[in-house]
């Protein structure tokens, strides 16, 4: 409630924009931003965002974030000739009506499970593929996570520590490495949470920069800083944790930076705002992330990934956690994609 009051109070008299956002001069020659505005039919204030599993043109976006009536909405988008998301399509639908207290972290993890952070109740929700209500909600306070958990992310392929779960809290900025394991029912136990850093700026959603992106010379992280109205850059260590002393600005002049997401097709960085009009902003210039052949997101590469690809080609995406089944990039989903996944499982590079 406190954060909602602050957002409403600070936004009085502001135009429906992200309030003069600019990319830091060091990065401005390589990166550009596009403010998509507000998503039609999604209530303010925005939480986290991600592409809906098995889709390249539907965003999953948190609305009425941090409240007991919070939900996740399916928002169709269009893409330009270079593949960048460039506009919303009117007519969002409520996909997860039971996503109360959703916050800056909304992401798919192992086995295609959707993980959703919950603030201020300090919880982590989990949704199995096909579920529209949480199958499990974990009380993170019992694991020592500071009030209150705000975002979750898994270290991606291409980084040391790939697959590790990371959590952070707003407003104290506590950052955690979390151990987890399957619980036998399709969701996951969180076994422990070890604090590895304390971040300033009131951190919310965070993502890992695709390797090879211009001006990033090593493993790096982007963090939406709600309190500071910024997006920060951190170098990360071999465990995927931010190095606090390395912080620098990537963007400033924002209002309530909230969610964070890397588009797997273009590498674009997307983030949402809680307040200031509740917008979604896209930053171009990053390279697409590395190919990840673990298409069922179970943390292993084996025949189950081939089976999941076969099912996806036949229209069943239950065990396929990727946004799109066109694995060979030829514009069609067919048997050639199954062959591509078989080659990856057999050790051929992407």
Protein backbone atom coordinates (compact mmCIF):
# COMPACT_ATOMS: atom_id res chain seq x y z
CA UNK A 1 0.00 0.00 0.00
CA UNK A 2 2.84 2.41 0.83
CA UNK A 3 4.35 2.01 -2.61
CA UNK A 4 0.98 2.55 -4.29
CA UNK A 5 0.38 5.73 -2.30
CA UNK A 6 3.82 7.04 -3.23
CA UNK A 7 3.27 6.27 -6.90
CA UNK A 8 -0.10 8.01 -7.02
CA UNK A 9 1.16 10.99 -5.11
CA UNK A 10 4.31 11.48 -7.16
CA UNK A 11 2.50 11.05 -10.46
CA UNK A 12 0.08 13.91 -9.84
CA UNK A 13 0.43 16.46 -12.62
CA UNK A 14 2.72 14.26 -14.72
CA UNK A 15 1.97 13.48 -18.33
CA UNK A 16 1.31 9.85 -19.29
CA UNK A 17 4.95 9.18 -20.14
CA UNK A 18 8.00 7.77 -18.50
CA UNK A 19 9.04 11.34 -17.62
CA UNK A 20 11.98 12.32 -19.79
CA UNK A 21 13.81 9.03 -19.78
CA UNK A 22 17.29 9.08 -21.34
CA UNK A 23 20.02 6.54 -21.97
CA UNK A 24 23.31 7.33 -20.27
CA UNK A 25 25.74 9.08 -22.67
CA UNK A 26 28.22 6.21 -22.48
CA UNK A 27 25.62 3.83 -23.96
CA UNK A 28 23.60 6.28 -26.05
CA UNK A 29 25.58 5.75 -29.25
CA UNK A 30 24.73 2.04 -29.32
CA UNK A 31 21.27 1.86 -27.73
CA UNK A 32 17.94 3.53 -28.43
CA UNK A 33 14.60 3.40 -26.66
CA UNK A 34 10.98 3.26 -27.74
CA UNK A 35 8.20 4.07 -25.27
CA UNK A 36 5.25 1.85 -26.21
CA UNK A 37 2.95 3.67 -23.77
CA UNK A 38 0.27 1.89 -21.79
CA UNK A 39 -1.09 -1.50 -22.76
CA UNK A 40 -4.83 -1.23 -23.58
CA UNK A 41 -7.12 -2.87 -21.03
CA UNK A 42 -4.37 -3.60 -18.48
CA UNK A 43 -4.99 -1.73 -15.22
CA UNK A 44 -2.27 0.42 -13.67
CA UNK A 45 0.10 -0.17 -11.84
CA UNK A 46 2.28 -2.54 -13.87
CA UNK A 47 4.27 -5.43 -12.45
CA UNK A 48 6.62 -7.81 -14.24
CA UNK A 49 6.48 -8.96 -17.85
CA UNK A 50 7.58 -11.81 -20.10
CA UNK A 51 6.55 -13.35 -23.39
CA UNK A 52 3.82 -15.92 -22.96
CA UNK A 53 5.23 -19.43 -23.35
CA UNK A 54 5.05 -20.75 -26.93
CA UNK A 55 4.29 -17.27 -28.30
CA UNK A 56 6.35 -14.63 -30.06
CA UNK A 57 3.64 -11.97 -30.10
CA UNK A 58 1.85 -12.11 -26.73
CA UNK A 59 3.26 -10.41 -23.65
CA UNK A 60 2.31 -11.53 -20.17
CA UNK A 61 2.07 -8.32 -18.11
CA UNK A 62 1.19 -7.77 -14.47
CA UNK A 63 -1.65 -5.34 -13.76
CA UNK A 64 -2.93 -3.84 -10.50
CA UNK A 65 0.43 -4.91 -9.10
CA UNK A 66 1.02 -5.19 -5.36
CA UNK A 67 -2.72 -5.41 -4.71
CA UNK A 68 -5.15 -8.15 -3.72
CA UNK A 69 -6.85 -7.83 -7.14
CA UNK A 70 -3.61 -8.16 -9.11
CA UNK A 71 -3.69 -10.30 -12.26
CA UNK A 72 -1.50 -11.25 -15.22
CA UNK A 73 -2.78 -10.15 -18.62
CA UNK A 74 -2.13 -11.50 -22.11
CA UNK A 75 -1.36 -8.54 -24.37
CA UNK A 76 -0.90 -9.09 -28.10
CA UNK A 77 1.90 -7.08 -29.74
CA UNK A 78 3.11 -6.36 -33.25
CA UNK A 79 6.69 -6.49 -34.51
CA UNK A 80 8.40 -4.35 -37.12
CA UNK A 81 10.41 -5.58 -40.10
CA UNK A 82 13.46 -6.20 -37.89
CA UNK A 83 11.44 -8.21 -35.39
CA UNK A 84 11.29 -5.56 -32.65
CA UNK A 85 8.09 -5.28 -30.61
CA UNK A 86 6.67 -1.94 -31.72
CA UNK A 87 3.02 -1.66 -30.62
CA UNK A 88 0.22 -3.12 -28.54
CA UNK A 89 -2.92 -4.64 -30.02
CA UNK A 90 -6.11 -3.56 -28.19
CA UNK A 91 -8.02 -6.20 -26.29
CA UNK A 92 -5.87 -7.62 -23.48
CA UNK A 93 -7.34 -10.62 -21.73
CA UNK A 94 -7.02 -11.71 -18.12
CA UNK A 95 -4.98 -14.90 -18.26
CA UNK A 96 -4.07 -15.41 -14.61
CA UNK A 97 -6.85 -13.81 -12.59
CA UNK A 98 -5.31 -15.15 -9.39
CA UNK A 99 -2.00 -13.28 -9.41
CA UNK A 100 -2.57 -11.09 -6.41
CA UNK A 101 0.32 -8.97 -5.20
CA UNK A 102 2.25 -9.59 -8.44
CA UNK A 103 5.44 -7.55 -8.57
CA UNK A 104 8.54 -6.98 -10.70
CA UNK A 105 9.46 -10.64 -11.16
CA UNK A 106 7.47 -12.73 -13.66
CA UNK A 107 9.53 -15.40 -15.41
CA UNK A 108 9.48 -18.98 -16.67
CA UNK A 109 11.80 -21.42 -14.96
CA UNK A 110 12.55 -25.13 -15.07
CA UNK A 111 9.86 -27.42 -16.52
CA UNK A 112 8.07 -24.39 -17.94
CA UNK A 113 6.79 -23.35 -14.51
CA UNK A 114 5.86 -19.67 -14.29
CA UNK A 115 7.34 -17.96 -11.21
CA UNK A 116 5.72 -14.75 -9.95
CA UNK A 117 7.02 -12.54 -7.16
CA UNK A 118 4.51 -11.25 -4.57
CA UNK A 119 4.93 -7.93 -2.75
CA UNK A 120 4.40 -6.93 0.07
CA UNK A 121 3.50 -10.41 1.32
CA UNK A 122 7.02 -11.79 0.73
CA UNK A 123 5.94 -14.78 -1.31
CA UNK A 124 6.82 -16.59 -4.52
CA UNK A 125 4.01 -18.06 -6.61
CA UNK A 126 4.40 -20.95 -9.04
CA UNK A 127 2.11 -21.93 -11.91
CA UNK A 128 2.48 -25.24 -13.73
CA UNK A 129 2.00 -25.19 -17.53
CA UNK A 130 -1.71 -25.00 -18.22
CA UNK A 131 -2.64 -23.66 -14.76
CA UNK A 132 -4.33 -20.27 -14.38
CA UNK A 133 -4.12 -20.16 -10.59
CA UNK A 134 -1.00 -20.72 -8.47
CA UNK A 135 -0.19 -24.35 -7.82
CA UNK A 136 2.16 -23.42 -5.03
CA UNK A 137 2.93 -20.27 -3.01
CA UNK A 138 6.11 -20.20 -0.92
CA UNK A 139 6.55 -18.04 2.18
CA UNK A 140 10.02 -16.59 1.69
CA UNK A 141 10.17 -14.99 5.14
CA UNK A 142 10.62 -18.49 6.54
CA UNK A 143 13.86 -18.70 4.53
CA UNK A 144 15.16 -15.39 5.83
CA UNK A 145 14.30 -13.27 2.78
CA UNK A 146 13.85 -9.63 3.79
CA UNK A 147 10.42 -8.03 3.60
CA UNK A 148 9.50 -8.05 0.86
CA UNK A 149 10.56 -10.16 -2.08
CA UNK A 150 10.12 -8.21 -5.34
CA UNK A 151 11.72 -10.09 -8.25
CA UNK A 152 13.00 -13.49 -9.37
CA UNK A 153 15.20 -14.56 -12.27
CA UNK A 154 17.16 -17.62 -13.39
CA UNK A 155 20.73 -17.22 -14.65
CA UNK A 156 20.52 -17.86 -18.42
CA UNK A 157 22.52 -19.99 -20.80
CA UNK A 158 25.80 -18.29 -21.71
CA UNK A 159 26.56 -17.34 -18.10
CA UNK A 160 28.53 -19.14 -15.45
CA UNK A 161 26.03 -20.45 -12.95
CA UNK A 162 23.32 -20.97 -15.57
CA UNK A 163 20.10 -22.22 -13.99
CA UNK A 164 20.67 -20.71 -10.55
CA UNK A 165 17.69 -18.90 -9.01
CA UNK A 166 18.16 -15.29 -7.91
CA UNK A 167 15.82 -13.22 -5.75
CA UNK A 168 15.78 -9.61 -4.59
CA UNK A 169 13.76 -7.52 -2.14
CA UNK A 170 12.36 -4.00 -2.25
CA UNK A 171 13.14 -1.60 -0.74
CA UNK A 172 16.18 -2.82 1.17
CA UNK A 173 17.88 -4.19 -1.94
CA UNK A 174 18.83 -7.56 -0.48
CA UNK A 175 19.92 -9.91 -3.29
CA UNK A 176 19.87 -13.69 -2.83
CA UNK A 177 21.10 -16.89 -4.40
CA UNK A 178 18.37 -19.49 -3.83
CA UNK A 179 18.71 -23.27 -3.88
CA UNK A 180 15.71 -25.14 -5.23
CA UNK A 181 14.63 -28.68 -6.15
CA UNK A 182 11.60 -30.41 -7.70
CA UNK A 183 8.91 -31.20 -5.13
CA UNK A 184 7.43 -34.16 -7.01
CA UNK A 185 4.22 -32.34 -7.99
CA UNK A 186 5.49 -30.29 -10.93
CA UNK A 187 6.53 -27.29 -8.83
CA UNK A 188 9.64 -26.59 -6.77
CA UNK A 189 10.81 -26.37 -3.20
CA UNK A 190 12.98 -23.38 -2.37
CA UNK A 191 15.47 -24.92 0.01
CA UNK A 192 17.48 -21.91 1.10
CA UNK A 193 18.21 -18.28 0.27
CA UNK A 194 21.69 -16.88 0.83
CA UNK A 195 22.18 -13.12 0.65
CA UNK A 196 25.05 -12.27 -1.69
CA UNK A 197 24.70 -8.49 -2.14
CA UNK A 198 22.79 -5.37 -1.14
CA UNK A 199 21.73 -3.14 -4.04
CA UNK A 200 20.76 0.51 -3.88
CA UNK A 201 18.02 2.32 -5.75
CA UNK A 202 15.17 0.08 -4.65
CA UNK A 203 15.65 -2.87 -7.03
CA UNK A 204 12.80 -4.57 -8.82
CA UNK A 205 13.04 -6.68 -12.01
CA UNK A 206 16.50 -7.63 -13.27
CA UNK A 207 17.92 -9.42 -16.32
CA UNK A 208 21.25 -10.65 -17.63
CA UNK A 209 22.68 -8.81 -20.64
CA UNK A 210 23.03 -11.06 -23.72
CA UNK A 211 26.76 -11.81 -24.17
CA UNK A 212 28.39 -9.84 -26.96
CA UNK A 213 26.12 -6.81 -26.65
CA UNK A 214 27.94 -3.54 -27.53
CA UNK A 215 29.93 -1.84 -24.76
CA UNK A 216 29.45 -4.72 -22.32
CA UNK A 217 32.87 -6.27 -21.95
CA UNK A 218 31.88 -9.05 -19.56
CA UNK A 219 28.93 -10.70 -17.82
CA UNK A 220 26.51 -7.96 -16.79
CA UNK A 221 23.08 -7.37 -15.30
CA UNK A 222 20.43 -4.69 -15.82
CA UNK A 223 18.35 -3.78 -12.77
CA UNK A 224 15.13 -1.75 -12.79
CA UNK A 225 15.54 0.65 -9.85
CA UNK A 226 12.05 1.66 -8.76
CA UNK A 227 13.05 4.10 -6.04
CA UNK A 228 15.82 5.82 -7.99
CA UNK A 229 13.91 6.07 -11.28
CA UNK A 230 16.81 4.43 -13.11
CA UNK A 231 18.01 1.29 -14.81
CA UNK A 232 21.42 0.31 -13.47
CA UNK A 233 24.18 -1.89 -14.87
CA UNK A 234 26.24 -4.22 -12.71
CA UNK A 235 29.08 -6.55 -13.57
CA UNK A 236 28.30 -10.04 -12.28
CA UNK A 237 30.55 -12.63 -10.69
CA UNK A 238 30.90 -16.32 -11.69
CA UNK A 239 27.84 -17.22 -9.61
CA UNK A 240 25.64 -14.72 -11.45
CA UNK A 241 25.55 -12.24 -8.55
CA UNK A 242 25.97 -8.47 -9.02
CA UNK A 243 29.24 -6.82 -8.00
CA UNK A 244 28.00 -3.83 -6.02
CA UNK A 245 31.05 -1.63 -6.60
CA UNK A 246 30.60 -1.87 -10.39
CA UNK A 247 27.20 -0.12 -10.52
CA UNK A 248 26.68 2.53 -13.19
CA UNK A 249 23.69 4.15 -14.88
CA UNK A 250 22.18 2.72 -18.03
CA UNK A 251 19.02 4.87 -18.07
CA UNK A 252 17.83 7.75 -15.90
CA UNK A 253 14.79 10.01 -15.67
CA UNK A 254 12.30 7.18 -15.23
CA UNK A 255 9.28 6.87 -12.99
CA UNK A 256 8.90 3.62 -11.09
CA UNK A 257 10.98 1.21 -13.21
CA UNK A 258 9.49 -2.18 -12.36
CA UNK A 259 9.63 -5.33 -14.52
CA UNK A 260 12.51 -6.48 -16.74
CA UNK A 261 12.73 -8.88 -19.68
CA UNK A 262 15.06 -9.77 -22.57
CA UNK A 263 13.26 -10.58 -25.83
CA UNK A 264 14.75 -13.91 -26.99
CA UNK A 265 14.20 -13.02 -30.66
CA UNK A 266 15.92 -9.62 -30.81
CA UNK A 267 17.78 -9.24 -27.52
CA UNK A 268 15.72 -6.10 -26.80
CA UNK A 269 15.43 -5.07 -23.17
CA UNK A 270 11.82 -4.46 -22.13
CA UNK A 271 10.73 -3.02 -18.81
CA UNK A 272 7.50 -1.82 -17.27
CA UNK A 273 6.77 1.08 -14.95
CA UNK A 274 4.71 1.15 -11.78
CA UNK A 275 3.23 4.64 -11.93
CA UNK A 276 4.09 7.52 -14.27
CA UNK A 277 1.35 6.38 -16.62
CA UNK A 278 2.23 2.67 -16.38
CA UNK A 279 4.20 2.21 -19.58
CA UNK A 280 6.28 -0.46 -21.29
CA UNK A 281 9.61 0.68 -22.74
CA UNK A 282 11.76 -1.20 -25.26
CA UNK A 283 15.52 -0.63 -25.62
CA UNK A 284 17.16 -1.70 -28.90
CA UNK A 285 20.84 -2.46 -29.44
CA UNK A 286 21.42 -5.68 -27.53
CA UNK A 287 22.25 -8.84 -29.43
CA UNK A 288 19.91 -11.86 -29.28
CA UNK A 289 20.70 -14.18 -26.36
CA UNK A 290 22.53 -17.44 -27.00
CA UNK A 291 20.61 -20.44 -28.26
CA UNK A 292 19.33 -22.59 -25.41
CA UNK A 293 18.53 -26.17 -26.52
CA UNK A 294 16.88 -27.07 -23.18
CA UNK A 295 13.43 -26.49 -24.66
CA UNK A 296 11.51 -28.07 -21.76
CA UNK A 297 13.47 -26.02 -19.19
CA UNK A 298 14.16 -28.94 -16.88
CA UNK A 299 17.87 -28.15 -16.56
CA UNK A 300 19.05 -31.05 -18.73
CA UNK A 301 19.56 -31.70 -22.44
CA UNK A 302 18.27 -35.11 -23.50
CA UNK A 303 15.55 -37.00 -25.31
CA UNK A 304 12.83 -35.27 -23.33
CA UNK A 305 13.73 -32.07 -25.20
CA UNK A 306 13.21 -33.85 -28.52
CA UNK A 307 9.86 -35.17 -27.29
CA UNK A 308 8.82 -31.67 -26.18
CA UNK A 309 9.75 -30.32 -29.62
CA UNK A 310 7.72 -33.04 -31.36
CA UNK A 311 4.74 -32.17 -29.19
CA UNK A 312 5.14 -28.46 -29.96
CA UNK A 313 5.31 -29.10 -33.70
CA UNK A 314 2.01 -30.96 -33.31
CA UNK A 315 0.47 -28.05 -31.44
CA UNK A 316 0.94 -29.18 -27.84
CA UNK A 317 3.16 -26.73 -25.95
CA UNK A 318 2.56 -28.15 -22.46
CA UNK A 319 6.17 -29.32 -22.06
CA UNK A 320 7.77 -26.70 -24.31
CA UNK A 321 8.78 -23.55 -22.45
CA UNK A 322 10.24 -21.50 -25.30
CA UNK A 323 8.36 -18.62 -26.94
CA UNK A 324 8.50 -20.25 -30.36
CA UNK A 325 9.08 -23.72 -31.83
CA UNK A 326 10.81 -22.51 -35.02
CA UNK A 327 14.18 -23.74 -33.79
CA UNK A 328 16.00 -23.55 -37.12
CA UNK A 329 14.69 -20.06 -37.92
CA UNK A 330 13.27 -20.85 -41.35
CA UNK A 331 9.90 -19.28 -40.63
CA UNK A 332 8.01 -22.56 -40.31
CA UNK A 333 7.31 -25.04 -37.51
CA UNK A 334 7.70 -28.56 -38.85
CA UNK A 335 9.83 -31.70 -38.83
CA UNK A 336 13.00 -29.74 -39.57
CA UNK A 337 12.72 -28.20 -36.10
CA UNK A 338 12.60 -31.68 -34.58
CA UNK A 339 15.76 -32.55 -36.55
CA UNK A 340 17.39 -29.35 -35.28
CA UNK A 341 16.66 -30.28 -31.67
CA UNK A 342 17.94 -33.83 -32.21
CA UNK A 343 21.19 -32.38 -33.52
CA UNK A 344 21.52 -30.16 -30.45
CA UNK A 345 20.88 -33.07 -28.11
CA UNK A 346 23.58 -35.02 -29.98
CA UNK A 347 26.09 -32.27 -29.30
CA UNK A 348 25.98 -30.14 -32.44
CA UNK A 349 26.20 -26.40 -31.70
CA UNK A 350 23.26 -24.07 -32.19
